[in-house]
Amino acid sequence: MSTNEAGEPLVLIDRHDHTAVVTLNRPEARNAVNVALTIAIADVLDVLEADDAVWVIVITGAGDKAFCAGQDLKAVAERLPQPDDGSPRRDYGGWGGITSRRFAKPVIAAVNGFALGGGTEICLAADMIVADQHAQFGLPEVRRGIVANGGGLQRLPRRIPPSIAMELVLTGRAISAERALELGLINRVVSSGTCLEAALELAAEICEAAPLSVRYSKAIVRDSFSMGEHAATEANRELRRAVFASEDAKEGPRAFAERRPPEWKGR
């Protein structure tokens, strides 16, 4: 695995019961994304998505200043490696190894500092955002003569009022965590230095529910934005059948009747 300037892995993984914490570990570059970090993120997320013991993923940044400063402009000319032997191109999961993924599992961004450009786009690719009070969000690409290419231009108008999104995109202005909360961009603002703890509390609450039910519900909510309510329900018909036929679907009512906490199996 590639390492940062301190010789540490570019991405750290820490497990808390059924929650995996993924930490972008380039604090010397304010966790800006280059090719090596993209590959490291993609590799880690591939593993966690396939791990049945992981029910929720939390993404955060190393240090206390930046969640992610976006694209590493010093390395902007780098290109992701692709096979030259005619084999299929690898799908890295979009910008930063995440922005075009369709995760079945819930993803929470724990924003421990400023999240600008691609940093905001990583947040927008997550399902929920918990931020330290000193965090900032924004898409400043127009001030660099480029455009946001990690889904931010498409997702931001769906998360906040379109006219406000347009203003932020065209000015490149950053907003505070408190303003982001007012606009509905993020879920919670907490005291500086506590966003990871708050994200883990939210993840633990999600993990109290049946994991298959959580994934099905997420799929319907996600797809309803692009397909509409009826089409999203039809598109996820097979997943719904799998949920109702699962062991957890029997365990939930049984535990309720017996007045005890359910013991989820995830199957």
Protein backbone atom coordinates (compact mmCIF):
# COMPACT_ATOMS: atom_id res chain seq x y z
CA MET A 1 0.00 0.00 0.00
CA SER A 2 1.20 3.53 -0.78
CA THR A 3 2.30 5.68 2.13
CA ASN A 4 2.30 9.36 3.03
CA GLU A 5 5.37 11.46 3.81
CA ALA A 6 5.49 10.02 7.33
CA GLY A 7 5.62 6.46 5.97
CA GLU A 8 2.06 5.70 7.13
CA PRO A 9 -0.68 4.15 4.96
CA LEU A 10 -2.58 6.70 2.88
CA VAL A 11 -5.85 5.32 4.21
CA LEU A 12 -6.37 4.07 7.75
CA ILE A 13 -9.11 1.65 8.79
CA ASP A 14 -10.48 1.39 12.32
CA ARG A 15 -13.38 -0.89 13.24
CA HIS A 16 -16.00 -0.21 15.91
CA ASP A 17 -18.32 -3.22 16.12
CA HIS A 18 -20.17 -3.12 12.77
CA THR A 19 -18.85 0.32 11.78
CA ALA A 20 -15.64 0.86 9.80
CA VAL A 21 -13.90 4.24 10.02
CA VAL A 22 -11.93 5.18 6.89
CA THR A 23 -9.43 8.00 7.45
CA LEU A 24 -7.82 9.89 4.57
CA ASN A 25 -4.24 10.12 5.81
CA ARG A 26 -2.36 12.87 3.98
CA PRO A 27 -2.41 15.54 6.71
CA GLU A 28 0.76 17.12 5.30
CA ALA A 29 -1.28 17.91 2.14
CA ARG A 30 -4.53 18.58 4.01
CA ASN A 31 -5.75 15.22 2.71
CA ALA A 32 -5.82 16.44 -0.88
CA VAL A 33 -6.52 13.65 -3.35
CA ASN A 34 -3.89 12.44 -5.80
CA VAL A 35 -3.74 9.23 -7.82
CA ALA A 36 -2.16 7.21 -5.02
CA LEU A 37 -4.84 8.26 -2.54
CA THR A 38 -7.61 7.56 -5.06
CA ILE A 39 -6.34 4.01 -5.55
CA ALA A 40 -5.96 3.49 -1.79
CA ILE A 41 -9.52 4.71 -1.12
CA ALA A 42 -10.91 2.53 -3.91
CA ASP A 43 -9.10 -0.55 -2.61
CA VAL A 44 -10.33 -0.03 0.95
CA LEU A 45 -13.93 0.65 -0.04
CA ASP A 46 -14.00 -2.42 -2.30
CA VAL A 47 -13.02 -4.55 0.70
CA LEU A 48 -15.46 -2.93 3.13
CA GLU A 49 -18.38 -3.11 0.72
CA ALA A 50 -17.85 -6.87 0.39
CA ASP A 51 -17.40 -7.42 4.16
CA ASP A 52 -20.69 -8.63 5.67
CA ALA A 53 -19.47 -7.70 9.15
CA VAL A 54 -19.39 -4.02 8.16
CA TRP A 55 -22.83 -2.39 8.23
CA VAL A 56 -21.92 1.32 8.21
CA ILE A 57 -18.89 3.24 6.89
CA VAL A 58 -17.62 6.54 8.34
CA ILE A 59 -15.19 8.63 6.29
CA THR A 60 -13.04 11.31 7.90
CA GLY A 61 -9.70 13.07 7.45
CA ALA A 62 -6.48 12.98 9.43
CA GLY A 63 -5.59 16.01 11.52
CA ASP A 64 -7.81 18.80 12.81
CA LYS A 65 -7.66 21.32 9.96
CA ALA A 66 -8.98 19.59 6.85
CA PHE A 67 -11.36 16.79 5.98
CA CYS A 68 -10.15 16.98 2.38
CA ALA A 69 -8.80 19.94 0.41
CA GLY A 70 -10.01 18.42 -2.85
CA GLN A 71 -7.81 17.73 -5.85
CA ASP A 72 -4.07 17.90 -5.26
CA LEU A 73 -3.39 20.63 -7.80
CA LYS A 74 0.33 19.87 -7.71
CA ALA A 75 -0.47 16.42 -9.09
CA VAL A 76 -3.31 17.39 -11.42
CA ALA A 77 -1.51 16.00 -14.47
CA GLU A 78 -1.41 12.49 -12.99
CA ARG A 79 -3.59 9.82 -14.55
CA LEU A 80 -5.02 6.68 -12.98
CA PRO A 81 -3.20 3.57 -14.21
CA GLN A 82 -5.10 1.47 -16.71
CA PRO A 83 -4.17 -1.88 -18.27
CA ASP A 84 -2.40 -1.74 -21.61
CA ASP A 85 -2.90 -5.42 -22.41
CA GLY A 86 -6.46 -5.10 -23.66
CA SER A 87 -8.03 -6.19 -20.36
CA PRO A 88 -11.03 -4.23 -19.03
CA ARG A 89 -10.40 -0.84 -17.48
CA ARG A 90 -10.70 -0.82 -13.71
CA ASP A 91 -13.63 1.03 -12.18
CA TYR A 92 -12.11 3.03 -9.34
CA GLY A 93 -15.49 4.30 -8.17
CA GLY A 94 -15.27 7.82 -9.56
CA TRP A 95 -13.26 10.81 -8.36
CA GLY A 96 -11.39 10.03 -5.17
CA GLY A 97 -12.41 6.39 -5.44
CA ILE A 98 -15.93 7.13 -4.19
CA THR A 99 -18.01 9.78 -5.98
CA SER A 100 -19.68 7.48 -8.54
CA ARG A 101 -20.10 4.43 -6.31
CA ARG A 102 -23.54 3.03 -5.49
CA PHE A 103 -22.95 1.83 -1.95
CA ALA A 104 -25.55 -0.47 -0.51
CA LYS A 105 -24.34 0.37 3.00
CA PRO A 106 -24.85 3.74 4.70
CA VAL A 107 -21.90 6.15 4.48
CA ILE A 108 -21.38 8.99 6.98
CA ALA A 109 -18.88 11.81 6.40
CA ALA A 110 -17.29 13.07 9.63
CA VAL A 111 -15.97 16.47 8.56
CA ASN A 112 -13.18 17.56 10.87
CA GLY A 113 -12.16 20.75 9.04
CA PHE A 114 -12.62 22.37 5.68
CA ALA A 115 -14.03 20.25 2.87
CA LEU A 116 -13.52 22.16 -0.35
CA GLY A 117 -13.87 21.16 -3.98
CA GLY A 118 -13.51 17.41 -4.10
CA GLY A 119 -13.79 17.36 -0.31
CA THR A 120 -17.35 18.66 -0.59
CA GLU A 121 -17.99 16.19 -3.41
CA ILE A 122 -16.92 13.30 -1.17
CA CYS A 123 -19.39 14.60 1.43
CA LEU A 124 -22.13 14.81 -1.19
CA ALA A 125 -21.42 11.18 -2.15
CA ALA A 126 -22.08 10.20 1.48
CA ASP A 127 -25.58 9.66 2.87
CA MET A 128 -25.16 11.79 5.99
CA ILE A 129 -22.73 14.47 7.14
CA VAL A 130 -21.63 15.32 10.68
CA ALA A 131 -19.32 18.34 10.96
CA ASP A 132 -17.14 20.07 13.51
CA GLN A 133 -18.28 23.65 14.08
CA HIS A 134 -15.18 25.06 12.36
CA ALA A 135 -15.73 23.02 9.17
CA GLN A 136 -16.35 24.72 5.83
CA PHE A 137 -17.86 23.52 2.57
CA GLY A 138 -17.63 24.82 -0.98
CA LEU A 139 -16.90 24.24 -4.64
CA PRO A 140 -14.20 26.81 -5.49
CA GLU A 141 -13.28 25.32 -8.88
CA VAL A 142 -14.42 28.36 -10.89
CA ARG A 143 -11.79 30.37 -9.03
CA ARG A 144 -9.15 27.98 -10.36
CA GLY A 145 -10.35 28.06 -13.97
CA ILE A 146 -11.76 24.52 -13.80
CA VAL A 147 -15.09 22.88 -12.96
CA ALA A 148 -16.13 20.41 -10.28
CA ASN A 149 -16.13 16.95 -11.88
CA GLY A 150 -16.94 14.63 -8.99
CA GLY A 151 -20.72 14.99 -9.01
CA GLY A 152 -20.91 18.15 -6.95
CA LEU A 153 -22.62 20.22 -9.64
CA GLN A 154 -25.35 17.59 -9.92
CA ARG A 155 -25.78 16.74 -6.24
CA LEU A 156 -25.57 20.12 -4.55
CA PRO A 157 -28.83 21.46 -6.10
CA ARG A 158 -30.57 18.31 -4.85
CA ARG A 159 -29.36 18.86 -1.29
CA ILE A 160 -29.97 22.58 -0.89
CA PRO A 161 -32.23 25.16 -2.63
CA PRO A 162 -31.17 25.32 -6.30
CA SER A 163 -30.76 29.12 -6.32
CA ILE A 164 -28.39 28.93 -3.34
CA ALA A 165 -26.50 26.07 -4.97
CA MET A 166 -26.11 28.15 -8.13
CA GLU A 167 -24.76 31.08 -6.15
CA LEU A 168 -22.20 28.92 -4.37
CA VAL A 169 -21.12 27.20 -7.58
CA LEU A 170 -20.73 30.41 -9.60
CA THR A 171 -18.98 32.41 -6.89
CA GLY A 172 -16.86 29.57 -5.51
CA ARG A 173 -17.68 30.87 -2.04
CA ALA A 174 -17.31 28.61 1.00
CA ILE A 175 -19.94 28.35 3.74
CA SER A 176 -19.68 27.54 7.42
CA ALA A 177 -20.92 24.38 9.06
CA GLU A 178 -23.74 26.34 10.72
CA ARG A 179 -24.87 27.74 7.36
CA ALA A 180 -24.65 24.27 5.81
CA LEU A 181 -26.88 22.96 8.60
CA GLU A 182 -29.42 25.76 8.01
CA LEU A 183 -29.55 24.84 4.32
CA GLY A 184 -30.03 21.14 5.05
CA LEU A 185 -26.70 20.18 3.50
CA ILE A 186 -25.49 18.44 6.66
CA ASN A 187 -27.13 16.56 9.51
CA ARG A 188 -25.35 17.79 12.63
CA VAL A 189 -22.85 20.40 13.81
CA VAL A 190 -20.85 19.47 16.89
CA SER A 191 -18.05 20.97 18.96
CA SER A 192 -14.69 21.04 17.23
CA GLY A 193 -12.82 17.78 17.61
CA THR A 194 -15.94 15.68 18.25
CA CYS A 195 -17.35 14.97 14.78
CA LEU A 196 -15.95 11.45 14.63
CA GLU A 197 -17.46 10.61 18.01
CA ALA A 198 -20.80 12.03 16.88
CA ALA A 199 -20.62 10.12 13.59
CA LEU A 200 -19.92 6.89 15.47
CA GLU A 201 -22.93 7.54 17.71
CA LEU A 202 -25.09 7.99 14.61
CA ALA A 203 -23.61 4.84 13.06
CA ALA A 204 -24.29 2.87 16.26
CA GLU A 205 -27.92 4.00 16.17
CA ILE A 206 -28.21 2.81 12.56
CA CYS A 207 -26.62 -0.51 13.55
CA GLU A 208 -29.45 -1.10 16.02
CA ALA A 209 -31.64 -1.71 12.97
CA ALA A 210 -31.53 -4.77 10.72
CA PRO A 211 -28.74 -4.30 8.14
CA LEU A 212 -30.69 -5.72 5.20
CA SER A 213 -33.65 -3.48 6.01
CA VAL A 214 -31.32 -0.48 6.21
CA ARG A 215 -29.76 -1.25 2.81
CA TYR A 216 -33.14 -1.79 1.14
CA SER A 217 -34.52 1.43 2.60
CA LYS A 218 -31.44 3.35 1.46
CA ALA A 219 -31.80 1.96 -2.07
CA ILE A 220 -35.42 3.08 -2.32
CA VAL A 221 -34.68 6.57 -0.98
CA ARG A 222 -31.66 6.98 -3.26
CA ASP A 223 -33.37 5.73 -6.39
CA SER A 224 -36.54 7.73 -5.78
CA PHE A 225 -34.57 10.92 -6.44
CA SER A 226 -33.71 9.86 -9.97
CA MET A 227 -36.53 7.44 -10.84
CA GLY A 228 -39.52 8.64 -8.91
CA GLU A 229 -41.32 6.79 -6.13
CA HIS A 230 -43.10 4.11 -8.17
CA ALA A 231 -40.19 3.29 -10.47
CA ALA A 232 -37.76 3.07 -7.55
CA THR A 233 -40.06 0.65 -5.74
CA GLU A 234 -40.36 -1.53 -8.83
CA ALA A 235 -36.62 -1.42 -9.47
CA ASN A 236 -35.93 -2.76 -5.99
CA ARG A 237 -38.61 -5.45 -5.99
CA GLU A 238 -36.12 -8.33 -5.74
CA LEU A 239 -34.27 -6.69 -2.87
CA ARG A 240 -37.57 -6.22 -1.04
CA ARG A 241 -38.38 -9.91 -1.45
CA ALA A 242 -34.94 -10.83 -0.09
CA VAL A 243 -35.50 -8.65 2.98
CA PHE A 244 -38.89 -10.14 3.82
CA ALA A 245 -37.53 -13.68 3.32
CA SER A 246 -34.50 -13.08 5.55
CA GLU A 247 -33.81 -14.46 9.02
CA ASP A 248 -33.80 -10.89 10.34
CA ALA A 249 -37.37 -10.36 9.11
CA LYS A 250 -38.40 -13.22 11.42
CA GLU A 251 -36.14 -12.12 14.27
CA GLY A 252 -37.51 -8.57 14.44
CA PRO A 253 -41.15 -9.42 15.26
CA ARG A 254 -40.04 -12.29 17.48
CA ALA A 255 -37.78 -10.02 19.54
CA PHE A 256 -40.53 -7.41 19.80
CA ALA A 257 -43.02 -10.01 21.06
CA GLU A 258 -40.48 -11.35 23.56
CA ARG A 259 -39.57 -7.83 24.71
CA ARG A 260 -35.85 -8.19 24.08
CA PRO A 261 -33.30 -6.55 21.77
CA PRO A 262 -33.11 -8.25 18.37
CA GLU A 263 -30.01 -10.23 17.40
CA TRP A 264 -29.44 -9.35 13.75
CA LYS A 265 -27.63 -11.78 11.47
CA GLY A 266 -27.56 -9.62 8.37
CA ARG A 267 -29.16 -12.38 6.34
